Amino acid sequence: MLLRADDIQHDDNSPMLAEVVRKTFRGADFLYTLKLQSGAEILALVPSHHNHGIGEKIRITLALDHVVTL
């Protein structure tokens, strides 16, 4: 299964936590590298009004509307 960075969404009501490891400003969005509790890292494309700092833990959810399976 492949998840795109825009499949990972910021959601203050989600129980899933991830730590911001890196971030890149991309105009209307930030591209975050997030570390999950398992230690795995994922990318998330998040609207720029969600401006989180490195080391901050944020709540995320998966938007599985267009998942690609191989």
N, C-alpha and C. Protein backbone atom coordinates (compact mmCIF):
# COMPACT_ATOMS: atom_id res chain seq x y z
N MET A 1 0.85 -1.16 0.00
CA MET A 1 0.00 0.00 0.00
C MET A 1 0.90 1.23 0.00
N LEU A 2 0.54 2.21 -0.81
CA LEU A 2 1.27 3.47 -0.87
C LEU A 2 0.40 4.59 -0.34
N LEU A 3 0.98 5.41 0.51
CA LEU A 3 0.30 6.59 1.02
C LEU A 3 1.05 7.81 0.51
N ARG A 4 0.32 8.77 -0.02
CA ARG A 4 0.93 10.03 -0.43
C ARG A 4 0.94 10.98 0.77
N ALA A 5 1.80 11.99 0.68
CA ALA A 5 1.91 12.96 1.78
C ALA A 5 0.59 13.65 2.06
N ASP A 6 -0.26 13.83 1.05
CA ASP A 6 -1.56 14.47 1.29
C ASP A 6 -2.60 13.49 1.84
N ASP A 7 -2.24 12.20 1.99
CA ASP A 7 -3.12 11.23 2.65
C ASP A 7 -3.03 11.33 4.17
N ILE A 8 -1.99 11.99 4.67
CA ILE A 8 -1.79 12.17 6.10
C ILE A 8 -2.31 13.56 6.45
N GLN A 9 -3.31 13.62 7.33
CA GLN A 9 -3.93 14.90 7.65
C GLN A 9 -3.81 15.24 9.12
N HIS A 10 -3.60 16.52 9.37
CA HIS A 10 -3.60 17.03 10.75
C HIS A 10 -5.02 16.94 11.29
N ASP A 11 -5.18 16.37 12.49
CA ASP A 11 -6.51 16.21 13.10
C ASP A 11 -6.38 16.26 14.61
N ASP A 12 -6.75 17.39 15.21
CA ASP A 12 -6.63 17.56 16.65
C ASP A 12 -7.44 16.56 17.45
N ASN A 13 -8.41 15.89 16.84
CA ASN A 13 -9.26 14.94 17.55
C ASN A 13 -8.81 13.49 17.40
N SER A 14 -7.73 13.25 16.68
CA SER A 14 -7.25 11.90 16.44
C SER A 14 -6.42 11.39 17.62
N PRO A 15 -6.49 10.10 17.91
CA PRO A 15 -5.63 9.54 18.96
C PRO A 15 -4.20 9.27 18.48
N MET A 16 -3.95 9.33 17.16
CA MET A 16 -2.63 9.01 16.60
C MET A 16 -1.70 10.22 16.71
N LEU A 17 -0.56 10.01 17.38
CA LEU A 17 0.42 11.08 17.56
C LEU A 17 1.64 10.85 16.68
N ALA A 18 2.24 11.94 16.23
CA ALA A 18 3.49 11.88 15.47
C ALA A 18 4.33 13.10 15.84
N GLU A 19 5.63 12.92 15.83
CA GLU A 19 6.56 14.01 16.16
C GLU A 19 7.10 14.65 14.88
N VAL A 20 7.12 15.96 14.86
CA VAL A 20 7.67 16.69 13.72
C VAL A 20 9.19 16.59 13.77
N VAL A 21 9.78 15.98 12.73
CA VAL A 21 11.23 15.79 12.65
C VAL A 21 11.84 16.86 11.76
N ARG A 22 11.19 17.14 10.62
CA ARG A 22 11.64 18.17 9.68
C ARG A 22 10.41 18.84 9.09
N LYS A 23 10.61 20.04 8.58
CA LYS A 23 9.52 20.71 7.86
C LYS A 23 10.08 21.62 6.79
N THR A 24 9.34 21.70 5.70
CA THR A 24 9.71 22.55 4.57
C THR A 24 8.49 23.35 4.17
N PHE A 25 8.64 24.66 4.09
CA PHE A 25 7.53 25.52 3.66
C PHE A 25 7.36 25.39 2.16
N ARG A 26 6.13 25.13 1.71
CA ARG A 26 5.85 24.92 0.29
C ARG A 26 4.71 25.83 -0.17
N GLY A 27 4.74 27.09 0.23
CA GLY A 27 3.70 28.05 -0.18
C GLY A 27 2.47 27.91 0.69
N ALA A 28 1.45 27.29 0.18
CA ALA A 28 0.20 27.14 0.93
C ALA A 28 0.27 25.99 1.93
N ASP A 29 1.35 25.20 1.89
CA ASP A 29 1.47 24.01 2.74
C ASP A 29 2.85 23.92 3.37
N PHE A 30 2.94 23.08 4.40
CA PHE A 30 4.22 22.61 4.94
C PHE A 30 4.32 21.14 4.58
N LEU A 31 5.51 20.71 4.18
CA LEU A 31 5.78 19.29 4.02
C LEU A 31 6.53 18.87 5.28
N TYR A 32 5.84 18.11 6.11
CA TYR A 32 6.41 17.64 7.38
C TYR A 32 6.95 16.23 7.22
N THR A 33 8.09 15.97 7.83
CA THR A 33 8.54 14.60 8.06
C THR A 33 8.15 14.30 9.50
N LEU A 34 7.35 13.28 9.67
CA LEU A 34 6.81 12.94 10.99
C LEU A 34 7.33 11.58 11.43
N LYS A 35 7.67 11.47 12.71
CA LYS A 35 8.08 10.19 13.26
C LYS A 35 6.93 9.63 14.08
N LEU A 36 6.53 8.41 13.71
CA LEU A 36 5.46 7.73 14.43
C LEU A 36 6.01 7.10 15.71
N GLN A 37 5.14 6.66 16.59
CA GLN A 37 5.57 6.02 17.83
C GLN A 37 6.37 4.75 17.56
N SER A 38 6.16 4.12 16.41
CA SER A 38 6.90 2.91 16.03
C SER A 38 8.34 3.23 15.62
N GLY A 39 8.62 4.52 15.37
CA GLY A 39 9.93 4.93 14.88
C GLY A 39 9.95 5.16 13.38
N ALA A 40 8.92 4.69 12.67
CA ALA A 40 8.83 4.91 11.22
C ALA A 40 8.61 6.39 10.94
N GLU A 41 9.15 6.85 9.80
CA GLU A 41 8.95 8.23 9.39
C GLU A 41 8.05 8.28 8.17
N ILE A 42 7.16 9.26 8.15
CA ILE A 42 6.24 9.47 7.04
C ILE A 42 6.25 10.94 6.66
N LEU A 43 5.77 11.23 5.46
CA LEU A 43 5.63 12.61 5.01
C LEU A 43 4.17 13.02 5.09
N ALA A 44 3.94 14.27 5.45
CA ALA A 44 2.58 14.81 5.51
C ALA A 44 2.58 16.20 4.90
N LEU A 45 1.66 16.44 3.99
CA LEU A 45 1.48 17.75 3.38
C LEU A 45 0.30 18.41 4.09
N VAL A 46 0.60 19.47 4.86
CA VAL A 46 -0.38 20.07 5.77
C VAL A 46 -0.54 21.55 5.45
N PRO A 47 -1.77 22.07 5.46
CA PRO A 47 -1.96 23.51 5.21
C PRO A 47 -1.06 24.37 6.11
N SER A 48 -0.55 25.45 5.56
CA SER A 48 0.45 26.27 6.26
C SER A 48 -0.08 26.95 7.52
N HIS A 49 -1.39 27.01 7.72
CA HIS A 49 -1.87 27.60 8.97
C HIS A 49 -1.66 26.65 10.15
N HIS A 50 -1.25 25.41 9.89
CA HIS A 50 -0.84 24.47 10.94
C HIS A 50 0.68 24.51 11.00
N ASN A 51 1.22 25.54 11.62
CA ASN A 51 2.67 25.77 11.68
C ASN A 51 3.22 25.20 12.98
N HIS A 52 3.78 24.00 12.92
CA HIS A 52 4.29 23.32 14.11
C HIS A 52 5.80 23.31 14.11
N GLY A 53 6.37 23.30 15.30
CA GLY A 53 7.82 23.33 15.46
C GLY A 53 8.44 21.95 15.45
N ILE A 54 9.73 21.91 15.15
CA ILE A 54 10.49 20.66 15.20
C ILE A 54 10.43 20.14 16.64
N GLY A 55 10.16 18.85 16.77
CA GLY A 55 10.05 18.22 18.09
C GLY A 55 8.65 18.24 18.66
N GLU A 56 7.78 19.03 18.08
CA GLU A 56 6.39 19.10 18.55
C GLU A 56 5.63 17.83 18.14
N LYS A 57 4.75 17.37 19.00
CA LYS A 57 3.91 16.22 18.68
C LYS A 57 2.55 16.73 18.22
N ILE A 58 2.10 16.18 17.09
CA ILE A 58 0.81 16.59 16.54
C ILE A 58 -0.05 15.35 16.34
N ARG A 59 -1.33 15.57 16.25
CA ARG A 59 -2.28 14.48 16.02
C ARG A 59 -2.60 14.41 14.53
N ILE A 60 -2.58 13.19 14.01
CA ILE A 60 -2.82 12.99 12.58
C ILE A 60 -3.84 11.88 12.35
N THR A 61 -4.38 11.88 11.17
CA THR A 61 -5.28 10.82 10.74
C THR A 61 -4.96 10.49 9.28
N LEU A 62 -5.43 9.33 8.84
CA LEU A 62 -5.22 8.91 7.46
C LEU A 62 -6.47 9.18 6.65
N ALA A 63 -6.30 9.78 5.49
CA ALA A 63 -7.41 9.98 4.54
C ALA A 63 -7.21 8.96 3.43
N LEU A 64 -7.88 7.85 3.53
CA LEU A 64 -7.64 6.73 2.63
C LEU A 64 -8.61 6.69 1.48
N ASP A 65 -8.82 7.83 0.85
CA ASP A 65 -9.76 7.93 -0.26
C ASP A 65 -9.18 7.43 -1.58
N HIS A 66 -7.87 7.51 -1.74
CA HIS A 66 -7.26 7.12 -3.00
C HIS A 66 -5.94 6.38 -2.78
N VAL A 67 -5.98 5.30 -2.01
CA VAL A 67 -4.82 4.51 -1.71
C VAL A 67 -4.43 3.65 -2.91
N VAL A 68 -3.14 3.53 -3.14
CA VAL A 68 -2.63 2.70 -4.23
C VAL A 68 -2.07 1.42 -3.63
N THR A 69 -2.48 0.28 -4.15
CA THR A 69 -1.93 -0.99 -3.71
C THR A 69 -1.17 -1.64 -4.86
N LEU A 70 -0.14 -2.35 -4.49
CA LEU A 70 0.69 -3.03 -5.50
C LEU A 70 0.57 -4.52 -5.35
